[in-house]
C-alpha cells in the first residue's frame, strides 16, 4: 500500500464530498418523520355490552346459597324481634299493642298479595311460552287440529282487549274457511298480532332513541350503563305487556336474562359500521365525535335487544309474517338524531 504524499504529515478531520446534491442543506429543510398509520377506533357500545353482560350473568351456586341463607336469617331475626316487640307492647299498653298488631297483619297481607301477583305474572309468561312452543310444533307437523287449538287459546288470551276485538271477530269469521296449519297460524298473525307487533316496534324505537340520547348527552361513566339497563328492562316489560304476558319484578328479570343470554350466546351484542350505514352512510361513524358515536351504537344495540324481546315475548313465532329487521328499526328510531343527505 503506497502512501499519499499530499496526506503525509497531516492530521485532523478529513472532509468527504457528497455526490448527492438533493440532500437538505439544513435540519429545517428535512422532511417530517412519517407517523405510523392508525385506523380510527370506532365506538363499541360499551354501555349496552356491559348492561347485557350484567343482565345475562348467572350468579354462582355458592352466591345463591349465600343470599338465600342471608335472607332467611334476616327475615327470621326481624320476625322474632317484631313478635317480642308486639307481645311486650300488648302486655304494657294493650290498646297500642293491638293497633300495632293490626298494622303488622295488614303489612303481611300486602306482602302475600305481592307474592300472588308475582306468581300470576310468572304463570302468564309460562302460558305465552306454552303457546309459542305449541304453535311451533303445529307448524312443524302441519297439524291442523293443533293449530286451531293454538288459535283458540290465543283468542281466549286476548279476550276482553279492545285492541284485538276486530281481529278476534275476523278470526271467528274466517277461521273455519282455512284447512291447513300454516294458513290458520298465518291468519292469527295477520289479524290478531299485527297491531300488537306495530305497538311493540314503537316501544323498541322509543327505547333506542332514549338510550342513544342519554349516552350522547350524559358524560358520567356509569350513568349510560344504568340508563341502558333501565331502558331495556322497561322496554322488555312493555313488550311483554303488549303481547299479553304482563310480568312482575321477578318475571321482568327472567325475561331480560333470557333475552340478554340469547344475545350474548349468539354474539349479537356487537355492532359495526354496517349496522348504522342506513342512516349515516358508509364510513361516517368513524368521523363522528366519540360520545355521539357511542350513543348511536348503544341505540342500535337496544333496537337489536328489542327485536329479540319481540321474538321471546310473542305468543306465536314469525311464521308467515316477516320478523322485524334490526336495521329497519334502527333507521326509523335514530334517523331523527342525525341529518343525512338523500341517497338512492
Protein backbone atom coordinates (compact mmCIF):
# COMPACT_ATOMS: atom_id res chain seq x y z
CA UNK A 1 0.00 0.00 0.00
CA UNK A 2 1.55 3.33 -1.10
CA UNK A 3 1.40 6.49 0.92
CA UNK A 4 -0.25 9.59 -0.46
CA UNK A 5 2.34 12.39 -0.44
CA UNK A 6 -0.36 15.04 -0.04
CA UNK A 7 -1.70 13.50 3.18
CA UNK A 8 1.71 12.73 4.69
CA UNK A 9 2.41 14.75 7.74
CA UNK A 10 -1.22 15.99 8.01
CA UNK A 11 -3.62 15.11 10.84
CA UNK A 12 -7.21 16.06 11.66
CA UNK A 13 -10.65 15.56 10.21
CA UNK A 14 -10.97 14.72 6.59
CA UNK A 15 -13.74 16.31 4.52
CA UNK A 16 -15.61 13.98 2.21
CA UNK A 17 -17.64 15.50 -0.58
CA UNK A 18 -21.19 14.18 -1.05
CA UNK A 19 -22.13 13.29 -4.56
CA UNK A 20 -25.92 13.56 -3.88
CA UNK A 21 -26.89 17.23 -4.15
CA UNK A 22 -30.55 16.53 -3.31
CA UNK A 23 -29.92 16.18 0.46
CA UNK A 24 -31.29 19.01 2.60
CA UNK A 25 -28.84 21.77 3.40
CA UNK A 26 -30.15 22.29 6.96
CA UNK A 27 -32.33 20.40 9.51
CA UNK A 28 -35.16 22.86 8.94
CA UNK A 29 -35.45 21.66 5.36
CA UNK A 30 -35.55 17.97 6.31
CA UNK A 31 -38.86 16.16 5.60
CA UNK A 32 -41.04 15.30 8.62
CA UNK A 33 -40.69 11.90 10.21
CA UNK A 34 -43.52 9.70 8.86
CA UNK A 35 -46.02 8.68 11.52
CA UNK A 36 -47.46 5.16 11.58
CA UNK A 37 -50.87 4.93 10.01
CA UNK A 38 -53.55 4.21 12.58
CA UNK A 39 -57.16 3.40 11.95
CA UNK A 40 -59.69 5.44 13.95
CA UNK A 41 -61.29 3.39 16.66
CA UNK A 42 -64.99 3.02 16.17
CA UNK A 43 -67.47 3.32 19.03
CA UNK A 44 -68.17 -0.08 20.56
CA UNK A 45 -71.35 0.46 22.55
CA UNK A 46 -69.71 -0.36 25.86
CA UNK A 47 -72.73 0.71 27.90
CA UNK A 48 -75.01 -1.81 26.20
CA UNK A 49 -72.35 -4.52 26.23
CA UNK A 50 -71.82 -4.00 29.97
CA UNK A 51 -75.57 -3.96 30.65
CA UNK A 52 -76.04 -7.14 28.64
CA UNK A 53 -73.20 -8.88 30.48
CA UNK A 54 -74.63 -7.83 33.85
CA UNK A 55 -78.14 -8.97 32.96
CA UNK A 56 -77.08 -12.26 31.39
CA UNK A 57 -74.61 -13.28 34.09
CA UNK A 58 -75.89 -16.03 36.34
CA UNK A 59 -74.69 -15.97 39.95
CA UNK A 60 -72.72 -18.95 41.14
CA UNK A 61 -74.35 -21.64 43.24
CA UNK A 62 -72.33 -20.54 46.26
CA UNK A 63 -73.59 -16.96 45.81
CA UNK A 64 -77.18 -18.16 45.52
CA UNK A 65 -76.84 -20.17 48.73
CA UNK A 66 -75.27 -17.15 50.45
CA UNK A 67 -78.09 -14.77 49.54
CA UNK A 68 -80.79 -17.36 50.30
CA UNK A 69 -79.38 -18.10 53.75
CA UNK A 70 -78.79 -14.41 54.44
CA UNK A 71 -82.38 -13.56 53.50
CA UNK A 72 -83.75 -16.38 55.64
CA UNK A 73 -81.61 -15.37 58.63
CA UNK A 74 -82.50 -11.67 58.37
CA UNK A 75 -86.24 -12.36 57.96
CA UNK A 76 -86.18 -14.74 60.93
CA UNK A 77 -84.44 -12.21 63.17
CA UNK A 78 -86.86 -9.47 62.09
CA UNK A 79 -89.86 -11.72 62.73
CA UNK A 80 -88.65 -12.72 66.20
CA UNK A 81 -87.86 -9.11 67.11
CA UNK A 82 -91.26 -7.93 65.85
CA UNK A 83 -93.07 -10.70 67.75
CA UNK A 84 -91.31 -9.83 71.01
CA UNK A 85 -91.97 -6.14 70.47
CA UNK A 86 -95.70 -6.72 69.90
CA UNK A 87 -96.12 -9.10 72.85
CA UNK A 88 -94.26 -6.73 75.19
CA UNK A 89 -96.33 -3.81 73.89
CA UNK A 90 -99.59 -5.70 74.45
CA UNK A 91 -98.50 -6.55 77.97
CA UNK A 92 -97.61 -2.95 78.79
CA UNK A 93 -100.09 -0.93 76.68
CA UNK A 94 -102.81 -3.31 75.38
CA UNK A 95 -104.62 -0.82 73.14
CA UNK A 96 -101.44 0.34 71.40
CA UNK A 97 -100.19 -3.24 71.13
CA UNK A 98 -103.36 -4.40 69.35
CA UNK A 99 -103.13 -1.42 66.97
CA UNK A 100 -99.54 -2.32 66.07
CA UNK A 101 -100.60 -5.95 65.65
CA UNK A 102 -103.30 -4.91 63.19
CA UNK A 103 -100.76 -2.87 61.21
CA UNK A 104 -98.40 -5.84 61.04
CA UNK A 105 -101.21 -8.12 59.86
CA UNK A 106 -102.05 -5.64 57.10
CA UNK A 107 -98.39 -5.49 56.11
CA UNK A 108 -98.23 -9.27 55.86
CA UNK A 109 -101.39 -9.29 53.74
CA UNK A 110 -99.79 -6.79 51.33
CA UNK A 111 -96.71 -9.00 51.08
CA UNK A 112 -98.95 -12.00 50.39
CA UNK A 113 -100.75 -10.10 47.63
CA UNK A 114 -97.41 -9.14 46.08
CA UNK A 115 -96.33 -12.79 46.10
CA UNK A 116 -99.62 -13.84 44.49
CA UNK A 117 -99.18 -11.14 41.84
CA UNK A 118 -95.66 -12.33 41.05
CA UNK A 119 -96.83 -15.94 40.78
CA UNK A 120 -99.66 -14.88 38.47
CA UNK A 121 -97.19 -12.96 36.30
CA UNK A 122 -94.93 -15.99 36.06
CA UNK A 123 -97.98 -18.08 35.17
CA UNK A 124 -98.88 -15.69 32.34
CA UNK A 125 -95.35 -15.85 30.98
CA UNK A 126 -95.45 -19.66 31.10
CA UNK A 127 -98.78 -19.57 29.27
CA UNK A 128 -97.34 -17.44 26.47
CA UNK A 129 -94.28 -19.71 26.26
CA UNK A 130 -96.53 -22.75 26.02
CA UNK A 131 -98.49 -21.15 23.15
CA UNK A 132 -95.26 -20.37 21.33
CA UNK A 133 -93.99 -23.94 21.66
CA UNK A 134 -97.36 -25.41 20.64
CA UNK A 135 -97.54 -23.18 17.54
CA UNK A 136 -94.00 -24.14 16.54
CA UNK A 137 -94.83 -27.83 16.90
CA UNK A 138 -98.09 -27.45 14.93
CA UNK A 139 -96.26 -25.75 12.07
CA UNK A 140 -93.51 -28.36 12.06
CA UNK A 141 -96.00 -31.26 11.98
CA UNK A 142 -98.54 -29.44 9.77
CA UNK A 143 -101.20 -30.38 12.34
CA UNK A 144 -104.44 -28.53 11.59
CA UNK A 145 -106.14 -29.58 14.83
CA UNK A 146 -103.19 -28.39 16.93
CA UNK A 147 -103.07 -25.11 15.02
CA UNK A 148 -106.79 -24.49 15.65
CA UNK A 149 -106.29 -25.28 19.34
CA UNK A 150 -103.44 -22.75 19.49
CA UNK A 151 -105.53 -20.02 17.85
CA UNK A 152 -108.46 -20.76 20.18
CA UNK A 153 -106.20 -20.36 23.20
CA UNK A 154 -104.72 -17.21 21.70
CA UNK A 155 -108.20 -15.75 21.17
CA UNK A 156 -109.06 -16.58 24.78
CA UNK A 157 -105.82 -14.93 25.93
CA UNK A 158 -106.82 -11.67 24.25
CA UNK A 159 -110.48 -11.80 25.21
CA UNK A 160 -111.63 -8.51 26.68
CA UNK A 161 -108.95 -6.39 25.00
CA UNK A 162 -110.31 -3.62 22.79
CA UNK A 163 -107.23 -3.51 20.57
CA UNK A 164 -107.83 -7.13 19.47
CA UNK A 165 -111.61 -7.07 19.18
CA UNK A 166 -111.64 -6.58 15.43
CA UNK A 167 -109.03 -9.32 14.98
CA UNK A 168 -110.96 -11.77 17.12
CA UNK A 169 -114.08 -11.16 15.03
CA UNK A 170 -112.11 -11.76 11.84
CA UNK A 171 -110.71 -14.96 13.31
CA UNK A 172 -114.20 -16.17 14.17
CA UNK A 173 -115.47 -15.40 10.64
CA UNK A 174 -112.55 -16.60 8.52
CA UNK A 175 -111.01 -19.31 10.72
CA UNK A 176 -113.37 -22.16 9.67
CA UNK A 177 -112.60 -21.48 5.99
CA UNK A 178 -108.90 -22.37 6.28
CA UNK A 179 -107.85 -26.03 6.26
CA UNK A 180 -104.07 -26.00 6.71
CA UNK A 181 -101.99 -25.33 9.82
CA UNK A 182 -99.81 -22.63 8.28
CA UNK A 183 -102.87 -20.76 7.00
CA UNK A 184 -104.53 -20.83 10.42
CA UNK A 185 -101.39 -19.60 12.19
CA UNK A 186 -100.87 -17.01 9.46
CA UNK A 187 -104.41 -15.71 9.89
CA UNK A 188 -103.81 -15.32 13.63
CA UNK A 189 -100.59 -13.44 12.96
CA UNK A 190 -102.24 -11.11 10.46
CA UNK A 191 -105.47 -10.40 12.30
CA UNK A 192 -104.51 -10.66 15.96
CA UNK A 193 -100.80 -9.94 16.25
CA UNK A 194 -100.25 -7.33 13.52
CA UNK A 195 -101.42 -4.35 15.66
CA UNK A 196 -99.51 -5.74 18.63
CA UNK A 197 -96.34 -6.07 16.53
CA UNK A 198 -96.69 -2.43 15.49
CA UNK A 199 -97.11 -1.31 19.11
CA UNK A 200 -94.10 -3.39 20.22
CA UNK A 201 -91.99 -1.91 17.44
CA UNK A 202 -92.87 1.61 18.58
CA UNK A 203 -91.68 0.72 22.08
CA UNK A 204 -88.39 -0.55 20.66
CA UNK A 205 -87.86 2.62 18.66
CA UNK A 206 -88.61 4.84 21.66
CA UNK A 207 -86.18 2.91 23.88
CA UNK A 208 -83.44 3.06 21.22
CA UNK A 209 -83.83 6.84 20.93
CA UNK A 210 -83.76 7.25 24.71
CA UNK A 211 -80.60 5.18 25.17
CA UNK A 212 -78.85 6.95 22.29
CA UNK A 213 -79.75 10.39 23.65
CA UNK A 214 -78.73 9.65 27.25
CA UNK A 215 -75.42 8.11 26.19
CA UNK A 216 -74.60 11.04 23.92
CA UNK A 217 -75.52 13.78 26.41
CA UNK A 218 -74.58 12.36 29.83
CA UNK A 219 -70.78 12.28 30.32
CA UNK A 220 -70.80 10.20 33.51
CA UNK A 221 -69.13 6.80 33.26
CA UNK A 222 -71.81 4.63 34.88
CA UNK A 223 -74.85 6.75 34.03
CA UNK A 224 -75.03 5.39 30.49
CA UNK A 225 -74.86 1.79 31.77
CA UNK A 226 -77.65 2.42 34.29
CA UNK A 227 -79.74 4.21 31.65
CA UNK A 228 -79.22 1.43 29.12
CA UNK A 229 -80.12 -1.30 31.62
CA UNK A 230 -83.16 0.57 32.92
CA UNK A 231 -84.45 1.46 29.45
CA UNK A 232 -84.04 -2.09 28.19
CA UNK A 233 -85.75 -3.54 31.25
CA UNK A 234 -88.67 -1.14 30.85
CA UNK A 235 -88.86 -1.87 27.12
CA UNK A 236 -88.96 -5.63 27.65
CA UNK A 237 -91.67 -5.27 30.31
CA UNK A 238 -93.81 -3.17 27.97
CA UNK A 239 -93.33 -5.59 25.09
CA UNK A 240 -94.38 -8.47 27.33
CA UNK A 241 -97.41 -6.47 28.44
CA UNK A 242 -98.36 -5.76 24.81
CA UNK A 243 -98.30 -9.45 23.94
CA UNK A 244 -100.32 -10.44 26.99
CA UNK A 245 -97.53 -11.72 29.22
CA UNK A 246 -97.63 -8.99 31.86
CA UNK A 247 -94.65 -9.55 34.11
CA UNK A 248 -93.88 -8.57 37.66
CA UNK A 249 -90.47 -7.87 39.11
CA UNK A 250 -89.26 -11.47 39.04
CA UNK A 251 -90.82 -12.07 35.64
CA UNK A 252 -89.12 -8.97 34.23
CA UNK A 253 -85.71 -10.15 35.35
CA UNK A 254 -86.47 -13.57 33.94
CA UNK A 255 -87.33 -12.02 30.57
CA UNK A 256 -84.35 -9.70 30.40
CA UNK A 257 -81.98 -12.51 31.37
CA UNK A 258 -83.48 -14.75 28.69
CA UNK A 259 -83.15 -12.05 26.03
CA UNK A 260 -79.66 -10.94 27.03
CA UNK A 261 -78.41 -14.51 27.42
CA UNK A 262 -79.57 -15.24 23.89
CA UNK A 263 -77.84 -12.14 22.53
CA UNK A 264 -74.59 -12.82 24.39
CA UNK A 265 -74.57 -16.50 23.37
CA UNK A 266 -75.09 -15.67 19.69
CA UNK A 267 -72.62 -12.80 19.72
CA UNK A 268 -75.30 -10.31 18.73
CA UNK A 269 -74.19 -7.75 21.33
CA UNK A 270 -71.83 -6.24 18.82
CA UNK A 271 -72.45 -3.69 16.15
CA UNK A 272 -70.27 -2.26 13.46
CA UNK A 273 -70.34 0.50 10.91
CA UNK A 274 -72.61 -1.60 8.68
CA UNK A 275 -75.39 -1.54 11.31
CA UNK A 276 -75.66 2.25 11.13
CA UNK A 277 -74.95 2.60 7.42
CA UNK A 278 -78.67 3.06 6.51
CA UNK A 279 -78.78 6.36 8.41
CA UNK A 280 -75.16 7.53 8.43
CA UNK A 281 -73.64 6.33 5.19
CA UNK A 282 -70.56 4.20 4.87
CA UNK A 283 -67.57 5.23 6.99
CA UNK A 284 -69.26 8.23 8.61
CA UNK A 285 -69.40 6.59 12.06
CA UNK A 286 -65.64 6.87 12.46
CA UNK A 287 -65.79 10.63 11.74
CA UNK A 288 -68.34 11.40 14.46
CA UNK A 289 -67.46 12.51 17.95
CA UNK A 290 -66.71 9.62 20.25
CA UNK A 291 -69.60 10.30 22.62
CA UNK A 292 -72.18 10.79 19.90
CA UNK A 293 -70.97 7.64 18.15
CA UNK A 294 -71.30 5.65 21.37
CA UNK A 295 -74.86 6.91 21.71
CA UNK A 296 -75.79 5.76 18.22
CA UNK A 297 -74.20 2.35 18.74
CA UNK A 298 -75.95 1.84 22.08
CA UNK A 299 -79.24 2.83 20.46
CA UNK A 300 -78.65 0.32 17.68
CA UNK A 301 -77.91 -2.42 20.21
CA UNK A 302 -81.09 -1.51 22.10
CA UNK A 303 -83.03 -1.97 18.86
CA UNK A 304 -81.46 -5.40 18.45
CA UNK A 305 -82.42 -6.29 22.03
CA UNK A 306 -85.98 -5.11 21.34
CA UNK A 307 -86.32 -7.32 18.26
CA UNK A 308 -85.08 -10.29 20.30
CA UNK A 309 -87.57 -9.41 23.06
CA UNK A 310 -90.39 -9.43 20.49
CA UNK A 311 -89.39 -12.95 19.48
CA UNK A 312 -89.25 -14.11 23.10
CA UNK A 313 -92.50 -12.46 24.28
CA UNK A 314 -94.58 -13.11 21.16
CA UNK A 315 -97.06 -15.99 21.64
CA UNK A 316 -96.59 -17.11 18.02
CA UNK A 317 -93.37 -17.48 16.05
CA UNK A 318 -92.76 -15.34 12.98
CA UNK A 319 -94.03 -17.94 10.54
CA UNK A 320 -95.86 -16.10 7.76
CA UNK A 321 -95.18 -12.57 8.98
CA UNK A 322 -91.71 -11.22 8.39
CA UNK A 323 -89.64 -10.70 11.51
CA UNK A 324 -88.76 -7.02 12.07
CA UNK A 325 -85.29 -6.18 10.87
CA UNK A 326 -82.99 -4.55 13.40
CA UNK A 327 -81.58 -2.36 10.62
CA UNK A 328 -85.01 -1.00 9.69
CA UNK A 329 -85.82 -0.35 13.35
CA UNK A 330 -82.51 1.49 13.76
CA UNK A 331 -83.18 3.55 10.63
CA UNK A 332 -86.62 4.61 11.90
CA UNK A 333 -85.56 5.18 15.52
CA UNK A 334 -82.27 7.00 15.06
CA UNK A 335 -82.71 8.81 11.75
CA UNK A 336 -84.04 11.87 13.58
CA UNK A 337 -80.83 12.18 15.62
CA UNK A 338 -78.63 12.80 12.58
CA UNK A 339 -79.07 14.79 9.40
CA UNK A 340 -78.01 12.93 6.31
CA UNK A 341 -78.17 13.72 2.64
CA UNK A 342 -80.67 11.96 0.38
CA UNK A 343 -79.35 8.78 -1.11
CA UNK A 344 -80.80 6.27 -3.53
